[in-house]
Amino acid sequence: MYRRTRRAVVSSLLASSVVCGGAVVLAPAADAAAPAASCTVTPGPNDTYVTITGEGFTAPRKLNDGESTVDLAVGPDGTFRVQRFQKNVDYTVLAANENQNFVFVNCKRVGTAATPKPQNPQNTTPPLQPGSRRDVAQGRAAGTQAGAAAAKKSCETKPVADKSGAQHSDAYWQAWSQAANRSFNRVCNNR
């Protein structure tokens, strides 16, 4: 969904809640002091993903990125945390039920203190784009090292990618697998 379409969807949700007597839905009741809900988008350390966090929400909730809407796992304390690869989009947290406070909350983009500011912008390299040639080249280099290391330990066990750490694109992992297998077979066949 594009920005205009998303605004139309959010506007229609808002209008339907008002028509259904949901003017109370937009703000908590005066006697029940509900905490304000907030949502932030923080870039990852290598700028390959964003982390979206929120607090003050009641379950169930949905996250909209302008093109798709997914369910959020809101904890009992009203918080959530997800990682997404769509970095340059506006995220919105939507209510799943009409009787929830804070029908929609736009997420605010914040910087990270862990990202150092470059001293000389002429000598900086652009951030790694998922699926780019540099991303594939890094996957190939890492796979070659992993394949050789696995072969040195034992030619019985092929290398397996550890995808639990850094977030990489599918192109990176394909290049990693091909290079790891090629390196593994080359070392084991030369024994």
C-alpha atoms as a PDB file:
ATOM      1  CA  MET A   1       0.000   0.000   0.000  1.00  0.00           C
ATOM      2  CA  TYR A   2       1.289   3.426  -0.790  1.00  0.00           C
ATOM      3  CA  ARG A   3       1.167   6.376   1.553  1.00  0.00           C
ATOM      4  CA  ARG A   4      -2.048   7.763   0.038  1.00  0.00           C
ATOM      5  CA  THR A   5      -3.756   4.388   0.308  1.00  0.00           C
ATOM      6  CA  ARG A   6      -2.598   3.946   3.887  1.00  0.00           C
ATOM      7  CA  ARG A   7      -3.948   7.371   4.813  1.00  0.00           C
ATOM      8  CA  ALA A   8      -7.275   6.415   3.251  1.00  0.00           C
ATOM      9  CA  VAL A   9      -7.344   3.166   5.272  1.00  0.00           C
ATOM     10  CA  VAL A  10      -6.430   4.925   8.519  1.00  0.00           C
ATOM     11  CA  SER A  11      -8.954   7.703   7.791  1.00  0.00           C
ATOM     12  CA  SER A  12     -11.709   5.182   7.152  1.00  0.00           C
ATOM     13  CA  LEU A  13     -10.854   3.352  10.398  1.00  0.00           C
ATOM     14  CA  LEU A  14     -10.972   6.635  12.252  1.00  0.00           C
ATOM     15  CA  ALA A  15     -14.257   7.642  10.625  1.00  0.00           C
ATOM     16  CA  SER A  16     -15.855   4.272  11.359  1.00  0.00           C
ATOM     17  CA  SER A  17     -14.815   4.487  15.004  1.00  0.00           C
ATOM     18  CA  VAL A  18     -16.386   7.949  15.319  1.00  0.00           C
ATOM     19  CA  VAL A  19     -19.592   6.808  13.586  1.00  0.00           C
ATOM     20  CA  CYS A  20     -19.817   3.856  15.965  1.00  0.00           C
ATOM     21  CA  GLY A  21     -19.565   6.164  18.937  1.00  0.00           C
ATOM     22  CA  GLY A  22     -15.850   5.560  19.253  1.00  0.00           C
ATOM     23  CA  ALA A  23     -14.849   9.134  19.972  1.00  0.00           C
ATOM     24  CA  VAL A  24     -13.944   7.669  23.337  1.00  0.00           C
ATOM     25  CA  VAL A  25     -11.693   5.199  21.507  1.00  0.00           C
ATOM     26  CA  LEU A  26      -9.220   7.935  20.587  1.00  0.00           C
ATOM     27  CA  ALA A  27      -8.536   8.980  24.160  1.00  0.00           C
ATOM     28  CA  PRO A  28      -8.627   7.065  27.399  1.00  0.00           C
ATOM     29  CA  ALA A  29     -11.490   7.688  29.793  1.00  0.00           C
ATOM     30  CA  ALA A  30     -10.913  10.595  32.130  1.00  0.00           C
ATOM     31  CA  ASP A  31     -11.129   8.449  35.260  1.00  0.00           C
ATOM     32  CA  ALA A  32      -8.889   5.664  33.875  1.00  0.00           C
ATOM     33  CA  ALA A  33      -5.391   7.092  33.489  1.00  0.00           C
ATOM     34  CA  ALA A  34      -4.040   4.909  30.694  1.00  0.00           C
ATOM     35  CA  PRO A  35      -0.372   5.455  29.880  1.00  0.00           C
ATOM     36  CA  ALA A  36       0.397   6.995  26.521  1.00  0.00           C
ATOM     37  CA  ALA A  37       1.364   4.539  23.806  1.00  0.00           C
ATOM     38  CA  SER A  38       4.551   5.185  21.869  1.00  0.00           C
ATOM     39  CA  CYS A  39       6.462   3.510  19.078  1.00  0.00           C
ATOM     40  CA  THR A  40      10.030   4.097  17.860  1.00  0.00           C
ATOM     41  CA  VAL A  41      12.027   2.917  14.841  1.00  0.00           C
ATOM     42  CA  THR A  42      15.770   2.567  15.420  1.00  0.00           C
ATOM     43  CA  PRO A  43      18.252   1.631  12.664  1.00  0.00           C
ATOM     44  CA  GLY A  44      20.346  -1.490  13.216  1.00  0.00           C
ATOM     45  CA  PRO A  45      24.122  -1.279  13.757  1.00  0.00           C
ATOM     46  CA  ASN A  46      24.968  -1.833  10.063  1.00  0.00           C
ATOM     47  CA  ASP A  47      21.854  -0.064   8.786  1.00  0.00           C
ATOM     48  CA  THR A  48      20.631  -3.335   7.234  1.00  0.00           C
ATOM     49  CA  TYR A  49      17.430  -3.450   9.278  1.00  0.00           C
ATOM     50  CA  VAL A  50      15.378  -1.438  11.733  1.00  0.00           C
ATOM     51  CA  THR A  51      14.172  -2.358  15.207  1.00  0.00           C
ATOM     52  CA  ILE A  52      10.647  -1.254  16.066  1.00  0.00           C
ATOM     53  CA  THR A  53       9.754  -1.036  19.740  1.00  0.00           C
ATOM     54  CA  GLY A  54       6.584   0.079  21.441  1.00  0.00           C
ATOM     55  CA  GLU A  55       5.114   0.498  24.900  1.00  0.00           C
ATOM     56  CA  GLY A  56       1.748   1.308  26.407  1.00  0.00           C
ATOM     57  CA  PHE A  57      -0.266  -0.914  24.033  1.00  0.00           C
ATOM     58  CA  THR A  58      -2.984  -3.460  24.660  1.00  0.00           C
ATOM     59  CA  ALA A  59      -3.068  -6.648  22.603  1.00  0.00           C
ATOM     60  CA  PRO A  60      -4.004  -7.430  19.862  1.00  0.00           C
ATOM     61  CA  ARG A  61      -2.194  -4.962  17.591  1.00  0.00           C
ATOM     62  CA  LYS A  62      -1.056  -4.846  13.985  1.00  0.00           C
ATOM     63  CA  LEU A  63       2.001  -3.191  12.395  1.00  0.00           C
ATOM     64  CA  ASN A  64       1.533  -1.445   9.050  1.00  0.00           C
ATOM     65  CA  ASP A  65       4.487  -0.468   6.851  1.00  0.00           C
ATOM     66  CA  GLY A  66       2.506   1.156   4.059  1.00  0.00           C
ATOM     67  CA  GLU A  67       2.420  -2.031   1.970  1.00  0.00           C
ATOM     68  CA  SER A  68       1.496  -4.794   4.377  1.00  0.00           C
ATOM     69  CA  THR A  69      -0.006  -5.322   7.816  1.00  0.00           C
ATOM     70  CA  VAL A  70       1.260  -7.989  10.227  1.00  0.00           C
ATOM     71  CA  ASP A  71       0.195  -9.048  13.714  1.00  0.00           C
ATOM     72  CA  LEU A  72       2.311  -7.843  16.626  1.00  0.00           C
ATOM     73  CA  ALA A  73       3.120  -9.907  19.690  1.00  0.00           C
ATOM     74  CA  VAL A  74       2.368  -7.432  22.493  1.00  0.00           C
ATOM     75  CA  GLY A  75       3.587  -8.632  25.862  1.00  0.00           C
ATOM     76  CA  PRO A  76       1.561  -8.519  29.071  1.00  0.00           C
ATOM     77  CA  ASP A  77       3.445  -5.347  30.037  1.00  0.00           C
ATOM     78  CA  GLY A  78       2.226  -3.602  26.849  1.00  0.00           C
ATOM     79  CA  THR A  79       5.557  -3.692  25.013  1.00  0.00           C
ATOM     80  CA  PHE A  80       6.704  -5.200  21.738  1.00  0.00           C
ATOM     81  CA  ARG A  81       9.931  -5.437  19.740  1.00  0.00           C
ATOM     82  CA  VAL A  82      10.322  -6.521  16.094  1.00  0.00           C
ATOM     83  CA  GLN A  83      12.979  -6.229  13.394  1.00  0.00           C
ATOM     84  CA  ARG A  84      12.125  -5.405   9.784  1.00  0.00           C
ATOM     85  CA  PHE A  85      14.199  -5.005   6.629  1.00  0.00           C
ATOM     86  CA  GLN A  86      12.048  -2.189   5.177  1.00  0.00           C
ATOM     87  CA  LYS A  87      14.085   0.748   6.439  1.00  0.00           C
ATOM     88  CA  ASN A  88      12.745   3.757   4.563  1.00  0.00           C
ATOM     89  CA  VAL A  89       9.043   3.438   5.296  1.00  0.00           C
ATOM     90  CA  ASP A  90       6.689   4.945   7.856  1.00  0.00           C
ATOM     91  CA  TYR A  91       5.461   2.391  10.402  1.00  0.00           C
ATOM     92  CA  THR A  92       2.088   2.648  12.144  1.00  0.00           C
ATOM     93  CA  VAL A  93       0.685   0.524  14.986  1.00  0.00           C
ATOM     94  CA  LEU A  94      -3.025  -0.155  14.464  1.00  0.00           C
ATOM     95  CA  ALA A  95      -5.650  -1.366  16.913  1.00  0.00           C
ATOM     96  CA  ALA A  96      -7.242  -4.703  16.034  1.00  0.00           C
ATOM     97  CA  ASN A  97     -10.417  -4.008  18.033  1.00  0.00           C
ATOM     98  CA  GLU A  98     -12.523  -0.857  18.046  1.00  0.00           C
ATOM     99  CA  ASN A  99     -12.685  -0.681  21.839  1.00  0.00           C
ATOM    100  CA  GLN A 100      -8.905  -0.263  22.264  1.00  0.00           C
ATOM    101  CA  ASN A 101      -7.284   3.018  23.228  1.00  0.00           C
ATOM    102  CA  PHE A 102      -4.912   4.577  20.716  1.00  0.00           C
ATOM    103  CA  VAL A 103      -6.524   3.380  17.463  1.00  0.00           C
ATOM    104  CA  PHE A 104      -3.336   4.149  15.556  1.00  0.00           C
ATOM    105  CA  VAL A 105       0.091   5.377  16.612  1.00  0.00           C
ATOM    106  CA  ASN A 106       2.684   6.565  14.101  1.00  0.00           C
ATOM    107  CA  CYS A 107       6.161   5.306  14.943  1.00  0.00           C
ATOM    108  CA  LYS A 108       8.889   7.918  15.347  1.00  0.00           C
ATOM    109  CA  ARG A 109      12.246   7.394  13.680  1.00  0.00           C
ATOM    110  CA  VAL A 110      15.189   7.848  16.066  1.00  0.00           C
ATOM    111  CA  GLY A 111      18.951   7.594  15.610  1.00  0.00           C
ATOM    112  CA  THR A 112      21.174   5.262  17.508  1.00  0.00           C
ATOM    113  CA  ALA A 113      24.017   6.315  19.777  1.00  0.00           C
ATOM    114  CA  ALA A 114      26.010   3.306  18.547  1.00  0.00           C
ATOM    115  CA  THR A 115      26.258   4.764  15.031  1.00  0.00           C
ATOM    116  CA  PRO A 116      29.323   7.010  14.911  1.00  0.00           C
ATOM    117  CA  LYS A 117      29.160  10.113  12.770  1.00  0.00           C
ATOM    118  CA  PRO A 118      31.781  10.091  10.011  1.00  0.00           C
ATOM    119  CA  GLN A 119      34.611  12.559  10.473  1.00  0.00           C
ATOM    120  CA  ASN A 120      35.276  13.001   6.763  1.00  0.00           C
ATOM    121  CA  PRO A 121      32.263  12.265   4.520  1.00  0.00           C
ATOM    122  CA  GLN A 122      34.508  11.965   1.434  1.00  0.00           C
ATOM    123  CA  ASN A 123      36.243   8.864   2.824  1.00  0.00           C
ATOM    124  CA  THR A 124      33.131   6.964   3.930  1.00  0.00           C
ATOM    125  CA  THR A 125      31.767   3.967   2.077  1.00  0.00           C
ATOM    126  CA  PRO A 126      28.049   3.765   1.401  1.00  0.00           C
ATOM    127  CA  PRO A 127      26.021   1.415   3.625  1.00  0.00           C
ATOM    128  CA  LEU A 128      25.708  -2.169   2.442  1.00  0.00           C
ATOM    129  CA  GLN A 129      22.495  -2.712   0.488  1.00  0.00           C
ATOM    130  CA  PRO A 130      20.905  -6.180   0.766  1.00  0.00           C
ATOM    131  CA  GLY A 131      21.385  -8.085  -2.488  1.00  0.00           C
ATOM    132  CA  SER A 132      24.077  -5.703  -3.756  1.00  0.00           C
ATOM    133  CA  ARG A 133      27.354  -6.871  -5.262  1.00  0.00           C
ATOM    134  CA  ARG A 134      29.181  -6.035  -2.050  1.00  0.00           C
ATOM    135  CA  ASP A 135      26.628  -8.027  -0.030  1.00  0.00           C
ATOM    136  CA  VAL A 136      27.101 -11.051  -2.322  1.00  0.00           C
ATOM    137  CA  ALA A 137      30.899 -10.641  -2.240  1.00  0.00           C
ATOM    138  CA  GLN A 138      30.875 -10.597   1.563  1.00  0.00           C
ATOM    139  CA  GLY A 139      28.695 -13.715   1.595  1.00  0.00           C
ATOM    140  CA  ARG A 140      31.092 -15.444  -0.790  1.00  0.00           C
ATOM    141  CA  ALA A 141      34.141 -14.500   1.313  1.00  0.00           C
ATOM    142  CA  ALA A 142      32.523 -15.621   4.574  1.00  0.00           C
ATOM    143  CA  GLY A 143      31.358 -18.882   2.959  1.00  0.00           C
ATOM    144  CA  THR A 144      34.837 -19.651   1.619  1.00  0.00           C
ATOM    145  CA  GLN A 145      36.332 -19.243   5.097  1.00  0.00           C
ATOM    146  CA  ALA A 146      33.586 -21.309   6.745  1.00  0.00           C
ATOM    147  CA  GLY A 147      33.933 -24.115   4.177  1.00  0.00           C
ATOM    148  CA  ALA A 148      37.714 -24.341   4.620  1.00  0.00           C
ATOM    149  CA  ALA A 149      37.400 -24.262   8.426  1.00  0.00           C
ATOM    150  CA  ALA A 150      34.762 -27.033   8.404  1.00  0.00           C
ATOM    151  CA  ALA A 151      36.905 -29.185   6.084  1.00  0.00           C
ATOM    152  CA  LYS A 152      39.945 -28.797   8.333  1.00  0.00           C
ATOM    153  CA  LYS A 153      37.918 -30.125  11.267  1.00  0.00           C
ATOM    154  CA  SER A 154      36.323 -33.044   9.421  1.00  0.00           C
ATOM    155  CA  CYS A 155      35.393 -33.960   5.864  1.00  0.00           C
ATOM    156  CA  GLU A 156      32.385 -35.800   7.261  1.00  0.00           C
ATOM    157  CA  THR A 157      30.383 -32.707   8.241  1.00  0.00           C
ATOM    158  CA  LYS A 158      29.596 -30.013   5.668  1.00  0.00           C
ATOM    159  CA  PRO A 159      29.453 -26.365   6.798  1.00  0.00           C
ATOM    160  CA  VAL A 160      26.108 -25.003   7.982  1.00  0.00           C
ATOM    161  CA  ALA A 161      25.277 -21.299   7.990  1.00  0.00           C
ATOM    162  CA  ASP A 162      24.616 -19.719  11.385  1.00  0.00           C
ATOM    163  CA  LYS A 163      21.788 -17.308  10.544  1.00  0.00           C
ATOM    164  CA  SER A 164      21.029 -16.403  14.157  1.00  0.00           C
ATOM    165  CA  GLY A 165      23.415 -13.450  14.338  1.00  0.00           C
ATOM    166  CA  ALA A 166      23.612 -10.700  11.738  1.00  0.00           C
ATOM    167  CA  GLN A 167      20.743 -10.091   9.358  1.00  0.00           C
ATOM    168  CA  HIS A 168      21.681 -10.687   5.708  1.00  0.00           C
ATOM    169  CA  SER A 169      19.810 -10.878   2.414  1.00  0.00           C
ATOM    170  CA  ASP A 170      18.902 -14.092   0.596  1.00  0.00           C
ATOM    171  CA  ALA A 171      21.547 -13.252  -2.036  1.00  0.00           C
ATOM    172  CA  TYR A 172      24.187 -13.143   0.710  1.00  0.00           C
ATOM    173  CA  TRP A 173      23.186 -16.590   2.036  1.00  0.00           C
ATOM    174  CA  GLN A 174      23.067 -18.127  -1.468  1.00  0.00           C
ATOM    175  CA  ALA A 175      26.580 -16.841  -2.176  1.00  0.00           C
ATOM    176  CA  TRP A 176      27.689 -18.058   1.271  1.00  0.00           C
ATOM    177  CA  SER A 177      26.329 -21.588   0.666  1.00  0.00           C
ATOM    178  CA  GLN A 178      27.856 -21.914  -2.803  1.00  0.00           C
ATOM    179  CA  ALA A 179      31.269 -20.671  -1.662  1.00  0.00           C
ATOM    180  CA  ALA A 180      31.237 -22.775   1.523  1.00  0.00           C
ATOM    181  CA  ASN A 181      30.430 -25.976  -0.377  1.00  0.00           C
ATOM    182  CA  ARG A 182      33.020 -25.241  -3.080  1.00  0.00           C
ATOM    183  CA  SER A 183      35.717 -24.497  -0.488  1.00  0.00           C
ATOM    184  CA  PHE A 184      34.786 -27.539   1.596  1.00  0.00           C
ATOM    185  CA  ASN A 185      34.929 -29.888  -1.422  1.00  0.00           C
ATOM    186  CA  ARG A 186      38.228 -28.399  -2.660  1.00  0.00           C
ATOM    187  CA  VAL A 187      39.969 -28.901   0.722  1.00  0.00           C
ATOM    188  CA  CYS A 188      38.522 -32.386   1.276  1.00  0.00           C
ATOM    189  CA  ASN A 189      39.324 -33.606  -2.260  1.00  0.00           C
ATOM    190  CA  ASN A 190      42.967 -32.478  -1.918  1.00  0.00           C
ATOM    191  CA  ARG A 191      43.568 -34.650   1.163  1.00  0.00           C
END
